[in-house]
């Protein structure tokens, strides 16, 4: 539809794993990147982790400002 606003919602993306973890899961870093939080957590779990990430980022910003 022309003229209708497009809404985009950003989602944080984090991918980290060590070699032992990847071996244990029998996967690769590329395959792990395809595994989204939507596939892992339900709505309340996603809300909780997004809240924790926000709090962590605020702590990091606060520490940088005091340095």
PDB file of N, CA and C in Angstrom:
ATOM      1  N   UNK A   1       0.832  -1.177   0.000  1.00  0.00           N
ATOM      2  CA  UNK A   1       0.000   0.000   0.000  1.00  0.00           C
ATOM      3  C   UNK A   1       0.875   1.236   0.000  1.00  0.00           C
ATOM      4  N   UNK A   2       0.613   2.125  -0.896  1.00  0.00           N
ATOM      5  CA  UNK A   2       1.366   3.367  -0.953  1.00  0.00           C
ATOM      6  C   UNK A   2       0.893   4.312   0.137  1.00  0.00           C
ATOM      7  N   UNK A   3       1.829   5.022   0.697  1.00  0.00           N
ATOM      8  CA  UNK A   3       1.485   6.010   1.706  1.00  0.00           C
ATOM      9  C   UNK A   3       1.384   5.461   3.121  1.00  0.00           C
ATOM     10  N   UNK A   4       1.365   4.148   3.295  1.00  0.00           N
ATOM     11  CA  UNK A   4       1.295   3.610   4.653  1.00  0.00           C
ATOM     12  C   UNK A   4       2.700   3.516   5.229  1.00  0.00           C
ATOM     13  N   UNK A   5       2.869   3.905   6.489  1.00  0.00           N
ATOM     14  CA  UNK A   5       4.211   3.883   7.089  1.00  0.00           C
ATOM     15  C   UNK A   5       4.702   2.454   7.302  1.00  0.00           C
ATOM     16  N   UNK A   6       5.968   2.258   7.086  1.00  0.00           N
ATOM     17  CA  UNK A   6       6.589   0.961   7.356  1.00  0.00           C
ATOM     18  C   UNK A   6       7.139   0.988   8.768  1.00  0.00           C
ATOM     19  N   UNK A   7       6.858  -0.021   9.524  1.00  0.00           N
ATOM     20  CA  UNK A   7       7.340  -0.100  10.894  1.00  0.00           C
ATOM     21  C   UNK A   7       8.429  -1.157  10.975  1.00  0.00           C
ATOM     22  N   UNK A   8       9.544  -0.787  11.530  1.00  0.00           N
ATOM     23  CA  UNK A   8      10.648  -1.705  11.728  1.00  0.00           C
ATOM     24  C   UNK A   8      10.953  -1.769  13.210  1.00  0.00           C
ATOM     25  N   UNK A   9      11.154  -2.951  13.706  1.00  0.00           N
ATOM     26  CA  UNK A   9      11.500  -3.120  15.108  1.00  0.00           C
ATOM     27  C   UNK A   9      12.887  -3.740  15.176  1.00  0.00           C
ATOM     28  N   UNK A  10      13.803  -3.018  15.808  1.00  0.00           N
ATOM     29  CA  UNK A  10      15.158  -3.552  15.950  1.00  0.00           C
ATOM     30  C   UNK A  10      15.180  -4.599  17.038  1.00  0.00           C
ATOM     31  N   UNK A  11      15.954  -5.627  16.786  1.00  0.00           N
ATOM     32  CA  UNK A  11      16.163  -6.669  17.781  1.00  0.00           C
ATOM     33  C   UNK A  11      17.656  -6.807  18.006  1.00  0.00           C
ATOM     34  N   UNK A  12      18.058  -6.885  19.258  1.00  0.00           N
ATOM     35  CA  UNK A  12      19.490  -7.080  19.504  1.00  0.00           C
ATOM     36  C   UNK A  12      19.947  -8.426  18.972  1.00  0.00           C
ATOM     37  N   UNK A  13      21.160  -8.467  18.428  1.00  0.00           N
ATOM     38  CA  UNK A  13      21.680  -9.717  17.899  1.00  0.00           C
ATOM     39  C   UNK A  13      23.043  -9.982  18.526  1.00  0.00           C
ATOM     40  N   UNK A  14      23.159 -11.083  19.191  1.00  0.00           N
ATOM     41  CA  UNK A  14      24.408 -11.485  19.819  1.00  0.00           C
ATOM     42  C   UNK A  14      24.703 -12.912  19.394  1.00  0.00           C
ATOM     43  N   UNK A  15      25.898 -13.145  18.936  1.00  0.00           N
ATOM     44  CA  UNK A  15      26.319 -14.499  18.604  1.00  0.00           C
ATOM     45  C   UNK A  15      27.701 -14.703  19.189  1.00  0.00           C
ATOM     46  N   UNK A  16      27.795 -15.588  20.142  1.00  0.00           N
ATOM     47  CA  UNK A  16      29.091 -15.891  20.721  1.00  0.00           C
ATOM     48  C   UNK A  16      29.110 -17.355  21.140  1.00  0.00           C
ATOM     49  N   UNK A  17      30.224 -17.987  20.950  1.00  0.00           N
ATOM     50  CA  UNK A  17      30.392 -19.377  21.351  1.00  0.00           C
ATOM     51  C   UNK A  17      31.865 -19.724  21.265  1.00  0.00           C
ATOM     52  N   UNK A  18      32.292 -20.614  22.135  1.00  0.00           N
ATOM     53  CA  UNK A  18      33.659 -21.094  22.003  1.00  0.00           C
ATOM     54  C   UNK A  18      33.636 -22.438  21.267  1.00  0.00           C
ATOM     55  N   UNK A  19      34.779 -22.888  20.873  1.00  0.00           N
ATOM     56  CA  UNK A  19      34.904 -24.119  20.069  1.00  0.00           C
ATOM     57  C   UNK A  19      34.320 -25.324  20.801  1.00  0.00           C
ATOM     58  N   UNK A  20      34.553 -25.433  22.096  1.00  0.00           N
ATOM     59  CA  UNK A  20      34.037 -26.575  22.857  1.00  0.00           C
ATOM     60  C   UNK A  20      32.509 -26.569  22.875  1.00  0.00           C
ATOM     61  N   UNK A  21      31.918 -25.380  23.021  1.00  0.00           N
ATOM     62  CA  UNK A  21      30.457 -25.281  23.013  1.00  0.00           C
ATOM     63  C   UNK A  21      29.870 -25.669  21.675  1.00  0.00           C
ATOM     64  N   UNK A  22      30.501 -25.205  20.594  1.00  0.00           N
ATOM     65  CA  UNK A  22      30.026 -25.567  19.258  1.00  0.00           C
ATOM     66  C   UNK A  22      30.152 -27.063  19.018  1.00  0.00           C
ATOM     67  N   UNK A  23      31.260 -27.647  19.454  1.00  0.00           N
ATOM     68  CA  UNK A  23      31.449 -29.091  19.306  1.00  0.00           C
ATOM     69  C   UNK A  23      30.396 -29.868  20.095  1.00  0.00           C
ATOM     70  N   UNK A  24      30.092 -29.403  21.304  1.00  0.00           N
ATOM     71  CA  UNK A  24      29.115 -30.077  22.152  1.00  0.00           C
ATOM     72  C   UNK A  24      27.724 -30.034  21.504  1.00  0.00           C
ATOM     73  N   UNK A  25      27.395 -28.918  20.885  1.00  0.00           N
ATOM     74  CA  UNK A  25      26.097 -28.784  20.226  1.00  0.00           C
ATOM     75  C   UNK A  25      26.086 -29.390  18.823  1.00  0.00           C
ATOM     76  N   UNK A  26      27.258 -29.847  18.382  1.00  0.00           N
ATOM     77  CA  UNK A  26      27.417 -30.409  17.041  1.00  0.00           C
ATOM     78  C   UNK A  26      26.882 -29.452  15.988  1.00  0.00           C
ATOM     79  N   UNK A  27      27.350 -28.205  16.074  1.00  0.00           N
ATOM     80  CA  UNK A  27      26.921 -27.168  15.142  1.00  0.00           C
ATOM     81  C   UNK A  27      28.105 -26.280  14.791  1.00  0.00           C
ATOM     82  N   UNK A  28      27.846 -25.290  13.964  1.00  0.00           N
ATOM     83  CA  UNK A  28      28.877 -24.327  13.582  1.00  0.00           C
ATOM     84  C   UNK A  28      28.412 -22.931  13.964  1.00  0.00           C
ATOM     85  N   UNK A  29      29.322 -21.974  13.910  1.00  0.00           N
ATOM     86  CA  UNK A  29      28.963 -20.601  14.229  1.00  0.00           C
ATOM     87  C   UNK A  29      27.927 -20.071  13.235  1.00  0.00           C
ATOM     88  N   UNK A  30      28.047 -20.456  11.981  1.00  0.00           N
ATOM     89  CA  UNK A  30      27.083 -20.023  10.956  1.00  0.00           C
ATOM     90  C   UNK A  30      25.693 -20.553  11.282  1.00  0.00           C
ATOM     91  N   UNK A  31      25.586 -21.832  11.617  1.00  0.00           N
ATOM     92  CA  UNK A  31      24.288 -22.421  11.957  1.00  0.00           C
ATOM     93  C   UNK A  31      23.733 -21.794  13.231  1.00  0.00           C
ATOM     94  N   UNK A  32      24.606 -21.458  14.164  1.00  0.00           N
ATOM     95  CA  UNK A  32      24.173 -20.837  15.412  1.00  0.00           C
ATOM     96  C   UNK A  32      23.571 -19.459  15.154  1.00  0.00           C
ATOM     97  N   UNK A  33      24.091 -18.739  14.161  1.00  0.00           N
ATOM     98  CA  UNK A  33      23.557 -17.415  13.838  1.00  0.00           C
ATOM     99  C   UNK A  33      22.132 -17.491  13.317  1.00  0.00           C
ATOM    100  N   UNK A  34      21.752 -18.611  12.744  1.00  0.00           N
ATOM    101  CA  UNK A  34      20.384 -18.779  12.242  1.00  0.00           C
ATOM    102  C   UNK A  34      19.387 -19.076  13.353  1.00  0.00           C
ATOM    103  N   UNK A  35      19.877 -19.370  14.544  1.00  0.00           N
ATOM    104  CA  UNK A  35      19.015 -19.686  15.680  1.00  0.00           C
ATOM    105  C   UNK A  35      18.665 -18.382  16.389  1.00  0.00           C
ATOM    106  N   UNK A  36      17.452 -17.888  16.191  1.00  0.00           N
ATOM    107  CA  UNK A  36      17.050 -16.602  16.758  1.00  0.00           C
ATOM    108  C   UNK A  36      16.442 -16.785  18.145  1.00  0.00           C
ATOM    109  N   UNK A  37      16.370 -15.689  18.889  1.00  0.00           N
ATOM    110  CA  UNK A  37      15.758 -15.739  20.217  1.00  0.00           C
ATOM    111  C   UNK A  37      14.293 -16.142  20.138  1.00  0.00           C
ATOM    112  N   UNK A  38      13.650 -15.825  19.014  1.00  0.00           N
ATOM    113  CA  UNK A  38      12.252 -16.219  18.834  1.00  0.00           C
ATOM    114  C   UNK A  38      12.095 -17.735  18.879  1.00  0.00           C
ATOM    115  N   UNK A  39      13.125 -18.452  18.432  1.00  0.00           N
ATOM    116  CA  UNK A  39      13.063 -19.915  18.405  1.00  0.00           C
ATOM    117  C   UNK A  39      13.434 -20.528  19.760  1.00  0.00           C
ATOM    118  N   UNK A  40      14.078 -19.733  20.617  1.00  0.00           N
ATOM    119  CA  UNK A  40      14.561 -20.257  21.892  1.00  0.00           C
ATOM    120  C   UNK A  40      13.623 -19.924  23.041  1.00  0.00           C
ATOM    121  N   UNK A  41      13.178 -18.650  23.111  1.00  0.00           N
ATOM    122  CA  UNK A  41      12.396 -18.169  24.249  1.00  0.00           C
ATOM    123  C   UNK A  41      10.949 -17.899  23.866  1.00  0.00           C
ATOM    124  N   UNK A  42      10.055 -18.056  24.844  1.00  0.00           N
ATOM    125  CA  UNK A  42       8.684 -17.603  24.645  1.00  0.00           C
ATOM    126  C   UNK A  42       8.639 -16.096  24.905  1.00  0.00           C
ATOM    127  N   UNK A  43       7.472 -15.498  24.822  1.00  0.00           N
ATOM    128  CA  UNK A  43       7.343 -14.035  24.939  1.00  0.00           C
ATOM    129  C   UNK A  43       7.902 -13.512  26.267  1.00  0.00           C
ATOM    130  N   UNK A  44       7.586 -14.166  27.368  1.00  0.00           N
ATOM    131  CA  UNK A  44       8.074 -13.688  28.670  1.00  0.00           C
ATOM    132  C   UNK A  44       9.591 -13.851  28.781  1.00  0.00           C
ATOM    133  N   UNK A  45      10.129 -14.901  28.203  1.00  0.00           N
ATOM    134  CA  UNK A  45      11.583 -15.093  28.211  1.00  0.00           C
ATOM    135  C   UNK A  45      12.303 -14.034  27.395  1.00  0.00           C
ATOM    136  N   UNK A  46      11.745 -13.704  26.212  1.00  0.00           N
ATOM    137  CA  UNK A  46      12.333 -12.651  25.384  1.00  0.00           C
ATOM    138  C   UNK A  46      12.282 -11.310  26.099  1.00  0.00           C
ATOM    139  N   UNK A  47      11.151 -10.996  26.725  1.00  0.00           N
ATOM    140  CA  UNK A  47      11.041  -9.732  27.456  1.00  0.00           C
ATOM    141  C   UNK A  47      12.060  -9.661  28.585  1.00  0.00           C
ATOM    142  N   UNK A  48      12.256 -10.766  29.278  1.00  0.00           N
ATOM    143  CA  UNK A  48      13.210 -10.791  30.385  1.00  0.00           C
ATOM    144  C   UNK A  48      14.642 -10.581  29.891  1.00  0.00           C
ATOM    145  N   UNK A  49      15.014 -11.273  28.822  1.00  0.00           N
ATOM    146  CA  UNK A  49      16.393 -11.132  28.338  1.00  0.00           C
ATOM    147  C   UNK A  49      16.637  -9.754  27.744  1.00  0.00           C
ATOM    148  N   UNK A  50      15.645  -9.178  27.036  1.00  0.00           N
ATOM    149  CA  UNK A  50      15.804  -7.831  26.497  1.00  0.00           C
ATOM    150  C   UNK A  50      15.950  -6.823  27.632  1.00  0.00           C
ATOM    151  N   UNK A  51      15.213  -7.027  28.719  1.00  0.00           N
ATOM    152  CA  UNK A  51      15.317  -6.145  29.879  1.00  0.00           C
ATOM    153  C   UNK A  51      16.703  -6.249  30.503  1.00  0.00           C
ATOM    154  N   UNK A  52      17.204  -7.473  30.641  1.00  0.00           N
ATOM    155  CA  UNK A  52      18.538  -7.675  31.213  1.00  0.00           C
ATOM    156  C   UNK A  52      19.619  -7.050  30.342  1.00  0.00           C
ATOM    157  N   UNK A  53      19.475  -7.178  29.026  1.00  0.00           N
ATOM    158  CA  UNK A  53      20.455  -6.599  28.103  1.00  0.00           C
ATOM    159  C   UNK A  53      20.455  -5.081  28.241  1.00  0.00           C
ATOM    160  N   UNK A  54      19.263  -4.483  28.342  1.00  0.00           N
ATOM    161  CA  UNK A  54      19.162  -3.030  28.504  1.00  0.00           C
ATOM    162  C   UNK A  54      19.846  -2.575  29.792  1.00  0.00           C
ATOM    163  N   UNK A  55      19.616  -3.301  30.867  1.00  0.00           N
ATOM    164  CA  UNK A  55      20.242  -2.958  32.154  1.00  0.00           C
ATOM    165  C   UNK A  55      21.761  -3.073  32.052  1.00  0.00           C
ATOM    166  N   UNK A  56      22.245  -4.117  31.419  1.00  0.00           N
ATOM    167  CA  UNK A  56      23.683  -4.321  31.259  1.00  0.00           C
ATOM    168  C   UNK A  56      24.310  -3.195  30.444  1.00  0.00           C
ATOM    169  N   UNK A  57      23.668  -2.823  29.343  1.00  0.00           N
ATOM    170  CA  UNK A  57      24.186  -1.746  28.507  1.00  0.00           C
ATOM    171  C   UNK A  57      24.215  -0.422  29.269  1.00  0.00           C
ATOM    172  N   UNK A  58      23.206  -0.181  30.106  1.00  0.00           N
ATOM    173  CA  UNK A  58      23.180   1.044  30.911  1.00  0.00           C
ATOM    174  C   UNK A  58      24.337   1.046  31.914  1.00  0.00           C
ATOM    175  N   UNK A  59      24.642  -0.100  32.504  1.00  0.00           N
ATOM    176  CA  UNK A  59      25.770  -0.196  33.432  1.00  0.00           C
ATOM    177  C   UNK A  59      27.080   0.091  32.718  1.00  0.00           C
ATOM    178  N   UNK A  60      27.232  -0.429  31.495  1.00  0.00           N
ATOM    179  CA  UNK A  60      28.450  -0.200  30.719  1.00  0.00           C
ATOM    180  C   UNK A  60      28.589   1.280  30.400  1.00  0.00           C
ATOM    181  N   UNK A  61      27.496   1.914  29.968  1.00  0.00           N
ATOM    182  CA  UNK A  61      27.537   3.358  29.670  1.00  0.00           C
ATOM    183  C   UNK A  61      27.904   4.158  30.909  1.00  0.00           C
ATOM    184  N   UNK A  62      27.335   3.793  32.041  1.00  0.00           N
ATOM    185  CA  UNK A  62      27.599   4.493  33.294  1.00  0.00           C
ATOM    186  C   UNK A  62      29.079   4.367  33.679  1.00  0.00           C
ATOM    187  N   UNK A  63      29.643   3.188  33.528  1.00  0.00           N
ATOM    188  CA  UNK A  63      31.053   2.971  33.862  1.00  0.00           C
ATOM    189  C   UNK A  63      31.961   3.766  32.929  1.00  0.00           C
ATOM    190  N   UNK A  64      31.603   3.851  31.657  1.00  0.00           N
ATOM    191  CA  UNK A  64      32.413   4.612  30.698  1.00  0.00           C
ATOM    192  C   UNK A  64      32.379   6.100  31.025  1.00  0.00           C
ATOM    193  N   UNK A  65      31.227   6.588  31.476  1.00  0.00           N
ATOM    194  CA  UNK A  65      31.106   8.000  31.821  1.00  0.00           C
ATOM    195  C   UNK A  65      31.899   8.370  33.057  1.00  0.00           C
ATOM    196  N   UNK A  66      32.115   7.421  33.951  1.00  0.00           N
ATOM    197  CA  UNK A  66      32.859   7.665  35.185  1.00  0.00           C
ATOM    198  C   UNK A  66      34.362   7.431  35.026  1.00  0.00           C
ATOM    199  N   UNK A  67      34.767   6.931  33.884  1.00  0.00           N
ATOM    200  CA  UNK A  67      36.196   6.649  33.648  1.00  0.00           C
ATOM    201  C   UNK A  67      36.952   7.900  33.245  1.00  0.00           C
TER     202      UNK A  67
END
